[in-house]
Amino acid sequence: MLVVVGRTGRPHGVRGAISIDVRTDEPDRRFVPGAVLVSSSGRELTIESAVWHSGRLLVTFEGFADRTAVEELRGQELSVDRDDSEAPEDPEEFYDSALIDCQVFAGDEALGRVVEVAHLPSQDLLVVHDEEGAEILVPFISAIVPVVDIAARRIEIDPPPGLLDPEG
């Protein structure tokens, strides 16, 4: 499965480095020399080097020796081919792709399925659609989402008052 891990920004310097807008919680795992990424144009790119500079990730790719060459990659999404069974090292973390299509329950009541994980500055939200397509936004915190069973494709929530019925 291809999973987006970054987006190329502006070239940096004259030796083929390009800035990366990181879109993964595991940049030190995904952006290592020898790793192969797939650009949104379908091109496979092998990382030659990756360094943090002033809070930005700068990457060079094999075959892109200068600023002019790397300019053609500007603005492209970078994806990694990840095995579906792969999971983060921390058991309390989940890949978005593993949460999508999980069924959400409040007790025995089926509420719908996860269609998106929204990453907001304050917290992440599970975007759940019920059978009619109505949207329920569930804060993805352990107090509200105590059970995530990826193998069973089941998420159990303990909704606080007003979460499921905004009218009270």
N, C-alpha and C. Protein backbone atom coordinates (compact mmCIF):
# COMPACT_ATOMS: atom_id res chain seq x y z
N MET A 1 0.84 -1.17 0.00
CA MET A 1 0.00 0.00 0.00
C MET A 1 0.89 1.23 0.00
N LEU A 2 0.60 2.17 -0.90
CA LEU A 2 1.35 3.42 -0.94
C LEU A 2 0.77 4.39 0.09
N VAL A 3 1.65 4.93 0.94
CA VAL A 3 1.25 5.86 1.98
C VAL A 3 2.09 7.13 1.85
N VAL A 4 1.42 8.29 1.82
CA VAL A 4 2.12 9.56 1.68
C VAL A 4 2.92 9.85 2.95
N VAL A 5 4.21 10.18 2.76
CA VAL A 5 5.08 10.49 3.90
C VAL A 5 5.66 11.90 3.82
N GLY A 6 5.47 12.57 2.68
CA GLY A 6 6.00 13.92 2.55
C GLY A 6 5.63 14.55 1.23
N ARG A 7 6.01 15.83 1.11
CA ARG A 7 5.80 16.59 -0.12
C ARG A 7 7.06 17.42 -0.35
N THR A 8 7.53 17.41 -1.57
CA THR A 8 8.75 18.16 -1.87
C THR A 8 8.45 19.65 -1.91
N GLY A 9 9.42 20.41 -1.42
CA GLY A 9 9.31 21.87 -1.41
C GLY A 9 10.28 22.48 -2.39
N ARG A 10 11.01 23.48 -1.91
CA ARG A 10 11.97 24.19 -2.76
C ARG A 10 13.34 23.52 -2.71
N PRO A 11 14.06 23.62 -3.83
CA PRO A 11 15.46 23.17 -3.80
C PRO A 11 16.24 23.99 -2.78
N HIS A 12 17.28 23.40 -2.24
CA HIS A 12 18.11 24.07 -1.24
C HIS A 12 19.57 23.96 -1.68
N GLY A 13 20.23 25.07 -1.86
CA GLY A 13 21.63 25.05 -2.26
C GLY A 13 21.79 24.67 -3.73
N VAL A 14 23.01 24.31 -4.10
CA VAL A 14 23.30 24.02 -5.50
C VAL A 14 23.64 22.55 -5.76
N ARG A 15 23.60 21.71 -4.72
CA ARG A 15 24.04 20.32 -4.87
C ARG A 15 22.89 19.29 -4.90
N GLY A 16 21.70 19.74 -5.23
CA GLY A 16 20.61 18.80 -5.44
C GLY A 16 19.75 18.49 -4.22
N ALA A 17 19.90 19.23 -3.13
CA ALA A 17 19.05 19.01 -1.95
C ALA A 17 17.70 19.69 -2.18
N ILE A 18 16.67 19.09 -1.60
CA ILE A 18 15.33 19.67 -1.69
C ILE A 18 14.68 19.57 -0.31
N SER A 19 13.92 20.60 0.04
CA SER A 19 13.24 20.58 1.35
C SER A 19 12.01 19.67 1.26
N ILE A 20 11.68 19.07 2.39
CA ILE A 20 10.56 18.14 2.46
C ILE A 20 9.58 18.62 3.52
N ASP A 21 8.31 18.71 3.13
CA ASP A 21 7.23 18.95 4.09
C ASP A 21 6.84 17.56 4.59
N VAL A 22 7.29 17.22 5.79
CA VAL A 22 7.11 15.88 6.33
C VAL A 22 5.66 15.63 6.68
N ARG A 23 5.14 14.47 6.27
CA ARG A 23 3.76 14.09 6.54
C ARG A 23 3.69 12.71 7.18
N THR A 24 4.66 12.43 8.03
CA THR A 24 4.69 11.16 8.75
C THR A 24 5.18 11.42 10.16
N ASP A 25 4.76 10.59 11.08
CA ASP A 25 5.25 10.69 12.46
C ASP A 25 6.59 9.99 12.61
N GLU A 26 7.04 9.35 11.54
CA GLU A 26 8.28 8.58 11.59
C GLU A 26 9.29 9.03 10.54
N PRO A 27 9.65 10.31 10.52
CA PRO A 27 10.57 10.77 9.47
C PRO A 27 11.95 10.12 9.54
N ASP A 28 12.42 9.82 10.74
CA ASP A 28 13.75 9.21 10.87
C ASP A 28 13.75 7.75 10.42
N ARG A 29 12.58 7.18 10.24
CA ARG A 29 12.46 5.82 9.73
C ARG A 29 12.22 5.81 8.22
N ARG A 30 11.50 6.80 7.71
CA ARG A 30 11.11 6.85 6.30
C ARG A 30 12.13 7.54 5.41
N PHE A 31 12.84 8.54 5.95
CA PHE A 31 13.79 9.31 5.15
C PHE A 31 15.22 8.95 5.54
N VAL A 32 15.64 7.77 5.14
CA VAL A 32 17.00 7.29 5.43
C VAL A 32 17.69 6.94 4.11
N PRO A 33 19.01 7.07 4.06
CA PRO A 33 19.72 6.70 2.83
C PRO A 33 19.37 5.27 2.40
N GLY A 34 19.07 5.14 1.12
CA GLY A 34 18.72 3.84 0.56
C GLY A 34 17.22 3.59 0.48
N ALA A 35 16.43 4.36 1.23
CA ALA A 35 14.98 4.18 1.18
C ALA A 35 14.46 4.61 -0.20
N VAL A 36 13.47 3.89 -0.69
CA VAL A 36 12.88 4.19 -1.99
C VAL A 36 11.50 4.79 -1.77
N LEU A 37 11.28 5.97 -2.34
CA LEU A 37 10.00 6.66 -2.27
C LEU A 37 9.44 6.73 -3.69
N VAL A 38 8.12 6.88 -3.78
CA VAL A 38 7.48 7.01 -5.08
C VAL A 38 6.88 8.42 -5.14
N SER A 39 7.24 9.17 -6.19
CA SER A 39 6.71 10.53 -6.34
C SER A 39 5.32 10.46 -6.94
N SER A 40 4.58 11.56 -6.83
CA SER A 40 3.22 11.58 -7.37
C SER A 40 3.22 11.44 -8.89
N SER A 41 4.37 11.65 -9.52
CA SER A 41 4.46 11.43 -10.97
C SER A 41 4.76 9.97 -11.29
N GLY A 42 4.91 9.13 -10.25
CA GLY A 42 5.14 7.70 -10.44
C GLY A 42 6.61 7.30 -10.49
N ARG A 43 7.49 8.25 -10.32
CA ARG A 43 8.92 7.98 -10.38
C ARG A 43 9.44 7.44 -9.05
N GLU A 44 10.25 6.39 -9.09
CA GLU A 44 10.88 5.87 -7.87
C GLU A 44 12.13 6.68 -7.59
N LEU A 45 12.26 7.14 -6.34
CA LEU A 45 13.38 7.97 -5.93
C LEU A 45 14.09 7.30 -4.76
N THR A 46 15.40 7.12 -4.90
CA THR A 46 16.20 6.53 -3.82
C THR A 46 16.90 7.65 -3.07
N ILE A 47 16.72 7.66 -1.76
CA ILE A 47 17.33 8.71 -0.93
C ILE A 47 18.83 8.48 -0.83
N GLU A 48 19.58 9.53 -1.13
CA GLU A 48 21.03 9.50 -1.00
C GLU A 48 21.45 10.02 0.37
N SER A 49 20.81 11.11 0.81
CA SER A 49 21.09 11.65 2.14
C SER A 49 19.87 12.40 2.65
N ALA A 50 19.78 12.52 3.96
CA ALA A 50 18.70 13.27 4.60
C ALA A 50 19.25 13.89 5.87
N VAL A 51 19.11 15.20 5.98
CA VAL A 51 19.61 15.92 7.17
C VAL A 51 18.59 16.97 7.58
N TRP A 52 18.53 17.21 8.88
CA TRP A 52 17.70 18.28 9.40
C TRP A 52 18.54 19.55 9.43
N HIS A 53 17.97 20.65 8.91
CA HIS A 53 18.67 21.93 8.87
C HIS A 53 17.67 23.03 9.22
N SER A 54 17.91 23.71 10.32
CA SER A 54 17.03 24.80 10.77
C SER A 54 15.57 24.38 10.83
N GLY A 55 15.33 23.15 11.34
CA GLY A 55 13.97 22.67 11.51
C GLY A 55 13.32 22.11 10.25
N ARG A 56 14.07 22.06 9.15
CA ARG A 56 13.54 21.51 7.91
C ARG A 56 14.33 20.28 7.51
N LEU A 57 13.64 19.33 6.90
CA LEU A 57 14.31 18.14 6.39
C LEU A 57 14.78 18.41 4.97
N LEU A 58 16.07 18.21 4.74
CA LEU A 58 16.65 18.37 3.41
C LEU A 58 17.08 17.00 2.92
N VAL A 59 16.65 16.64 1.72
CA VAL A 59 16.93 15.32 1.16
C VAL A 59 17.60 15.47 -0.19
N THR A 60 18.55 14.58 -0.47
CA THR A 60 19.09 14.45 -1.83
C THR A 60 18.73 13.06 -2.32
N PHE A 61 18.44 12.98 -3.61
CA PHE A 61 18.07 11.72 -4.24
C PHE A 61 19.15 11.32 -5.24
N GLU A 62 19.36 10.02 -5.36
CA GLU A 62 20.32 9.51 -6.34
C GLU A 62 19.89 9.97 -7.73
N GLY A 63 20.86 10.44 -8.51
CA GLY A 63 20.60 10.87 -9.88
C GLY A 63 20.20 12.33 -10.02
N PHE A 64 20.13 13.07 -8.93
CA PHE A 64 19.79 14.49 -8.96
C PHE A 64 20.97 15.26 -8.37
N ALA A 65 21.90 15.62 -9.23
CA ALA A 65 23.18 16.16 -8.78
C ALA A 65 23.18 17.66 -8.49
N ASP A 66 22.19 18.38 -9.00
CA ASP A 66 22.22 19.83 -8.79
C ASP A 66 20.82 20.41 -8.66
N ARG A 67 20.79 21.70 -8.37
CA ARG A 67 19.54 22.42 -8.13
C ARG A 67 18.59 22.33 -9.32
N THR A 68 19.12 22.47 -10.51
CA THR A 68 18.29 22.42 -11.71
C THR A 68 17.61 21.06 -11.87
N ALA A 69 18.35 20.00 -11.62
CA ALA A 69 17.79 18.65 -11.76
C ALA A 69 16.68 18.39 -10.75
N VAL A 70 16.89 18.79 -9.51
CA VAL A 70 15.90 18.50 -8.46
C VAL A 70 14.67 19.41 -8.55
N GLU A 71 14.78 20.51 -9.27
CA GLU A 71 13.65 21.44 -9.44
C GLU A 71 12.43 20.72 -10.04
N GLU A 72 12.65 19.71 -10.88
CA GLU A 72 11.53 19.00 -11.51
C GLU A 72 10.70 18.21 -10.49
N LEU A 73 11.22 17.99 -9.29
CA LEU A 73 10.49 17.25 -8.26
C LEU A 73 9.65 18.16 -7.37
N ARG A 74 9.81 19.45 -7.52
CA ARG A 74 9.14 20.41 -6.65
C ARG A 74 7.62 20.23 -6.64
N GLY A 75 7.04 20.20 -5.43
CA GLY A 75 5.58 20.13 -5.27
C GLY A 75 4.98 18.75 -5.42
N GLN A 76 5.80 17.70 -5.42
CA GLN A 76 5.26 16.35 -5.59
C GLN A 76 5.12 15.65 -4.24
N GLU A 77 4.06 14.85 -4.14
CA GLU A 77 3.89 14.03 -2.94
C GLU A 77 4.85 12.85 -3.03
N LEU A 78 5.37 12.45 -1.87
CA LEU A 78 6.26 11.31 -1.78
C LEU A 78 5.59 10.24 -0.95
N SER A 79 5.56 9.03 -1.47
CA SER A 79 4.91 7.91 -0.80
C SER A 79 5.90 6.79 -0.59
N VAL A 80 5.59 5.95 0.38
CA VAL A 80 6.38 4.76 0.64
C VAL A 80 5.46 3.55 0.46
N ASP A 81 6.00 2.50 -0.08
CA ASP A 81 5.23 1.27 -0.24
C ASP A 81 5.32 0.51 1.08
N ARG A 82 4.23 0.55 1.84
CA ARG A 82 4.22 -0.03 3.19
C ARG A 82 3.37 -1.28 3.21
N ASP A 83 3.88 -2.31 3.87
CA ASP A 83 3.14 -3.55 4.05
C ASP A 83 1.91 -3.28 4.91
N ASP A 84 0.77 -3.84 4.53
CA ASP A 84 -0.48 -3.63 5.28
C ASP A 84 -0.39 -4.08 6.73
N SER A 85 0.46 -5.06 7.01
CA SER A 85 0.56 -5.58 8.37
C SER A 85 1.51 -4.76 9.25
N GLU A 86 2.23 -3.82 8.65
CA GLU A 86 3.17 -3.00 9.42
C GLU A 86 2.42 -2.09 10.38
N ALA A 87 2.98 -1.91 11.57
CA ALA A 87 2.36 -1.05 12.58
C ALA A 87 3.44 -0.22 13.27
N PRO A 88 3.05 0.92 13.82
CA PRO A 88 4.03 1.73 14.57
C PRO A 88 4.58 0.94 15.76
N GLU A 89 5.76 1.34 16.21
CA GLU A 89 6.39 0.65 17.34
C GLU A 89 5.59 0.81 18.63
N ASP A 90 4.99 1.98 18.84
CA ASP A 90 4.19 2.24 20.04
C ASP A 90 2.80 1.61 19.88
N PRO A 91 2.40 0.72 20.78
CA PRO A 91 1.09 0.07 20.65
C PRO A 91 -0.10 1.03 20.79
N GLU A 92 0.14 2.24 21.27
CA GLU A 92 -0.92 3.23 21.40
C GLU A 92 -1.03 4.13 20.17
N GLU A 93 -0.23 3.87 19.14
CA GLU A 93 -0.28 4.65 17.90
C GLU A 93 -0.81 3.78 16.78
N PHE A 94 -1.47 4.43 15.81
CA PHE A 94 -2.06 3.71 14.69
C PHE A 94 -1.84 4.50 13.42
N TYR A 95 -1.61 3.79 12.33
CA TYR A 95 -1.56 4.46 11.03
C TYR A 95 -2.98 4.82 10.64
N ASP A 96 -3.15 5.98 10.00
CA ASP A 96 -4.47 6.40 9.54
C ASP A 96 -5.11 5.32 8.68
N SER A 97 -4.32 4.75 7.79
CA SER A 97 -4.86 3.75 6.86
C SER A 97 -5.40 2.52 7.59
N ALA A 98 -4.88 2.23 8.78
CA ALA A 98 -5.38 1.09 9.56
C ALA A 98 -6.73 1.41 10.21
N LEU A 99 -7.00 2.68 10.45
CA LEU A 99 -8.25 3.09 11.10
C LEU A 99 -9.40 3.28 10.11
N ILE A 100 -9.06 3.61 8.86
CA ILE A 100 -10.08 3.83 7.85
C ILE A 100 -10.88 2.54 7.64
N ASP A 101 -12.19 2.68 7.59
CA ASP A 101 -13.16 1.59 7.40
C ASP A 101 -13.39 0.74 8.64
N CYS A 102 -12.78 1.08 9.79
CA CYS A 102 -13.12 0.38 11.03
C CYS A 102 -14.54 0.78 11.43
N GLN A 103 -15.28 -0.18 11.97
CA GLN A 103 -16.63 0.08 12.46
C GLN A 103 -16.53 0.69 13.86
N VAL A 104 -17.35 1.67 14.14
CA VAL A 104 -17.33 2.37 15.42
C VAL A 104 -18.60 2.02 16.19
N PHE A 105 -18.40 1.69 17.47
CA PHE A 105 -19.50 1.30 18.33
C PHE A 105 -19.48 2.12 19.61
N ALA A 106 -20.69 2.41 20.13
CA ALA A 106 -20.86 2.97 21.47
C ALA A 106 -21.66 1.91 22.21
N GLY A 107 -20.99 1.13 23.02
CA GLY A 107 -21.64 -0.04 23.63
C GLY A 107 -21.93 -1.04 22.54
N ASP A 108 -23.18 -1.48 22.44
CA ASP A 108 -23.58 -2.43 21.39
C ASP A 108 -24.12 -1.73 20.14
N GLU A 109 -24.24 -0.41 20.20
CA GLU A 109 -24.81 0.35 19.09
C GLU A 109 -23.75 0.68 18.04
N ALA A 110 -23.99 0.22 16.82
CA ALA A 110 -23.09 0.54 15.70
C ALA A 110 -23.38 1.97 15.25
N LEU A 111 -22.33 2.81 15.22
CA LEU A 111 -22.49 4.22 14.86
C LEU A 111 -22.16 4.49 13.40
N GLY A 112 -21.27 3.70 12.83
CA GLY A 112 -20.84 3.94 11.45
C GLY A 112 -19.41 3.47 11.28
N ARG A 113 -18.76 4.00 10.23
CA ARG A 113 -17.38 3.61 9.97
C ARG A 113 -16.50 4.84 9.82
N VAL A 114 -15.23 4.66 10.12
CA VAL A 114 -14.25 5.74 10.01
C VAL A 114 -13.96 5.97 8.53
N VAL A 115 -14.11 7.22 8.08
CA VAL A 115 -13.82 7.55 6.68
C VAL A 115 -12.56 8.41 6.55
N GLU A 116 -12.14 9.00 7.69
CA GLU A 116 -10.96 9.88 7.65
C GLU A 116 -10.45 10.08 9.07
N VAL A 117 -9.17 10.39 9.17
CA VAL A 117 -8.59 10.83 10.43
C VAL A 117 -8.14 12.27 10.19
N ALA A 118 -8.76 13.21 10.88
CA ALA A 118 -8.43 14.62 10.73
C ALA A 118 -7.38 15.00 11.77
N HIS A 119 -6.28 15.55 11.31
CA HIS A 119 -5.18 15.94 12.20
C HIS A 119 -5.26 17.44 12.43
N LEU A 120 -5.79 17.81 13.57
CA LEU A 120 -5.94 19.22 13.92
C LEU A 120 -4.82 19.62 14.88
N PRO A 121 -4.58 20.90 15.05
CA PRO A 121 -3.51 21.34 15.96
C PRO A 121 -3.68 20.86 17.39
N SER A 122 -4.94 20.81 17.87
CA SER A 122 -5.15 20.44 19.27
C SER A 122 -5.24 18.94 19.49
N GLN A 123 -5.81 18.20 18.53
CA GLN A 123 -5.96 16.75 18.67
C GLN A 123 -6.40 16.17 17.34
N ASP A 124 -6.35 14.86 17.26
CA ASP A 124 -6.84 14.16 16.07
C ASP A 124 -8.32 13.83 16.26
N LEU A 125 -9.05 13.78 15.16
CA LEU A 125 -10.46 13.42 15.18
C LEU A 125 -10.71 12.25 14.24
N LEU A 126 -11.54 11.32 14.68
CA LEU A 126 -12.02 10.28 13.79
C LEU A 126 -13.28 10.83 13.13
N VAL A 127 -13.30 10.84 11.81
CA VAL A 127 -14.47 11.28 11.07
C VAL A 127 -15.25 10.02 10.73
N VAL A 128 -16.43 9.90 11.34
CA VAL A 128 -17.26 8.70 11.22
C VAL A 128 -18.52 9.06 10.43
N HIS A 129 -18.87 8.22 9.46
CA HIS A 129 -20.12 8.40 8.72
C HIS A 129 -21.06 7.27 9.08
N ASP A 130 -22.30 7.64 9.42
CA ASP A 130 -23.30 6.61 9.71
C ASP A 130 -23.91 6.12 8.39
N GLU A 131 -24.90 5.23 8.46
CA GLU A 131 -25.49 4.64 7.26
C GLU A 131 -26.14 5.66 6.34
N GLU A 132 -26.64 6.76 6.90
CA GLU A 132 -27.27 7.81 6.09
C GLU A 132 -26.25 8.82 5.57
N GLY A 133 -24.99 8.67 5.98
CA GLY A 133 -23.96 9.61 5.54
C GLY A 133 -23.74 10.78 6.47
N ALA A 134 -24.47 10.81 7.59
CA ALA A 134 -24.27 11.87 8.57
C ALA A 134 -22.89 11.71 9.19
N GLU A 135 -22.29 12.84 9.51
CA GLU A 135 -20.92 12.83 10.03
C GLU A 135 -20.89 13.00 11.55
N ILE A 136 -20.07 12.17 12.18
CA ILE A 136 -19.83 12.26 13.62
C ILE A 136 -18.34 12.48 13.79
N LEU A 137 -17.96 13.51 14.53
CA LEU A 137 -16.55 13.79 14.80
C LEU A 137 -16.22 13.31 16.21
N VAL A 138 -15.28 12.37 16.29
CA VAL A 138 -14.94 11.77 17.58
C VAL A 138 -13.50 12.13 17.93
N PRO A 139 -13.28 12.89 19.01
CA PRO A 139 -11.91 13.17 19.43
C PRO A 139 -11.16 11.86 19.69
N PHE A 140 -10.00 11.72 19.05
CA PHE A 140 -9.25 10.47 19.15
C PHE A 140 -8.31 10.53 20.35
N ILE A 141 -8.92 10.44 21.54
CA ILE A 141 -8.18 10.43 22.80
C ILE A 141 -8.63 9.21 23.59
N SER A 142 -7.75 8.68 24.41
CA SER A 142 -8.03 7.41 25.09
C SER A 142 -9.25 7.48 26.01
N ALA A 143 -9.56 8.65 26.57
CA ALA A 143 -10.73 8.77 27.44
C ALA A 143 -12.03 8.55 26.67
N ILE A 144 -12.05 8.87 25.39
CA ILE A 144 -13.25 8.73 24.58
C ILE A 144 -13.17 7.48 23.69
N VAL A 145 -11.96 7.11 23.29
CA VAL A 145 -11.76 5.94 22.43
C VAL A 145 -10.87 4.94 23.18
N PRO A 146 -11.48 4.17 24.11
CA PRO A 146 -10.68 3.26 24.92
C PRO A 146 -10.25 1.97 24.21
N VAL A 147 -10.98 1.58 23.14
CA VAL A 147 -10.68 0.30 22.49
C VAL A 147 -10.52 0.50 20.99
N VAL A 148 -9.34 0.12 20.48
CA VAL A 148 -9.09 0.09 19.04
C VAL A 148 -8.56 -1.31 18.74
N ASP A 149 -9.38 -2.09 18.04
CA ASP A 149 -9.00 -3.45 17.67
C ASP A 149 -8.86 -3.51 16.15
N ILE A 150 -7.64 -3.28 15.69
CA ILE A 150 -7.39 -3.23 14.24
C ILE A 150 -7.69 -4.58 13.60
N ALA A 151 -7.31 -5.67 14.25
CA ALA A 151 -7.53 -7.00 13.68
C ALA A 151 -9.02 -7.27 13.46
N ALA A 152 -9.86 -6.83 14.38
CA ALA A 152 -11.31 -7.03 14.26
C ALA A 152 -11.98 -5.89 13.50
N ARG A 153 -11.21 -4.84 13.12
CA ARG A 153 -11.73 -3.66 12.42
C ARG A 153 -12.84 -3.00 13.24
N ARG A 154 -12.61 -2.91 14.57
CA ARG A 154 -13.61 -2.41 15.51
C ARG A 154 -13.00 -1.35 16.43
N ILE A 155 -13.72 -0.26 16.59
CA ILE A 155 -13.36 0.80 17.52
C ILE A 155 -14.53 1.03 18.45
N GLU A 156 -14.26 1.03 19.75
CA GLU A 156 -15.31 1.27 20.72
C GLU A 156 -15.07 2.63 21.36
N ILE A 157 -16.15 3.41 21.46
CA ILE A 157 -16.03 4.73 22.07
C ILE A 157 -16.91 4.81 23.31
N ASP A 158 -16.52 5.71 24.20
CA ASP A 158 -17.29 6.03 25.40
C ASP A 158 -17.60 7.52 25.29
N PRO A 159 -18.68 7.84 24.57
CA PRO A 159 -18.94 9.25 24.25
C PRO A 159 -19.39 10.06 25.46
N PRO A 160 -18.82 11.25 25.63
CA PRO A 160 -19.31 12.13 26.70
C PRO A 160 -20.67 12.70 26.29
N PRO A 161 -21.43 13.21 27.25
CA PRO A 161 -22.74 13.78 26.93
C PRO A 161 -22.61 14.86 25.83
N GLY A 162 -23.50 14.77 24.86
CA GLY A 162 -23.52 15.76 23.79
C GLY A 162 -22.73 15.39 22.55
N LEU A 163 -21.84 14.40 22.64
CA LEU A 163 -21.03 14.06 21.47
C LEU A 163 -21.90 13.46 20.36
N LEU A 164 -22.79 12.55 20.72
CA LEU A 164 -23.63 11.90 19.72
C LEU A 164 -24.95 12.62 19.51
N ASP A 165 -25.38 13.38 20.49
CA ASP A 165 -26.62 14.13 20.40
C ASP A 165 -26.35 15.57 20.82
N PRO A 166 -25.91 16.41 19.86
CA PRO A 166 -25.54 17.78 20.20
C PRO A 166 -26.67 18.58 20.84
N GLU A 167 -27.91 18.14 20.65
CA GLU A 167 -29.04 18.84 21.25
C GLU A 167 -29.11 18.62 22.75
N GLY A 168 -28.38 17.59 23.22
CA GLY A 168 -28.32 17.37 24.66
C GLY A 168 -29.17 16.26 25.09
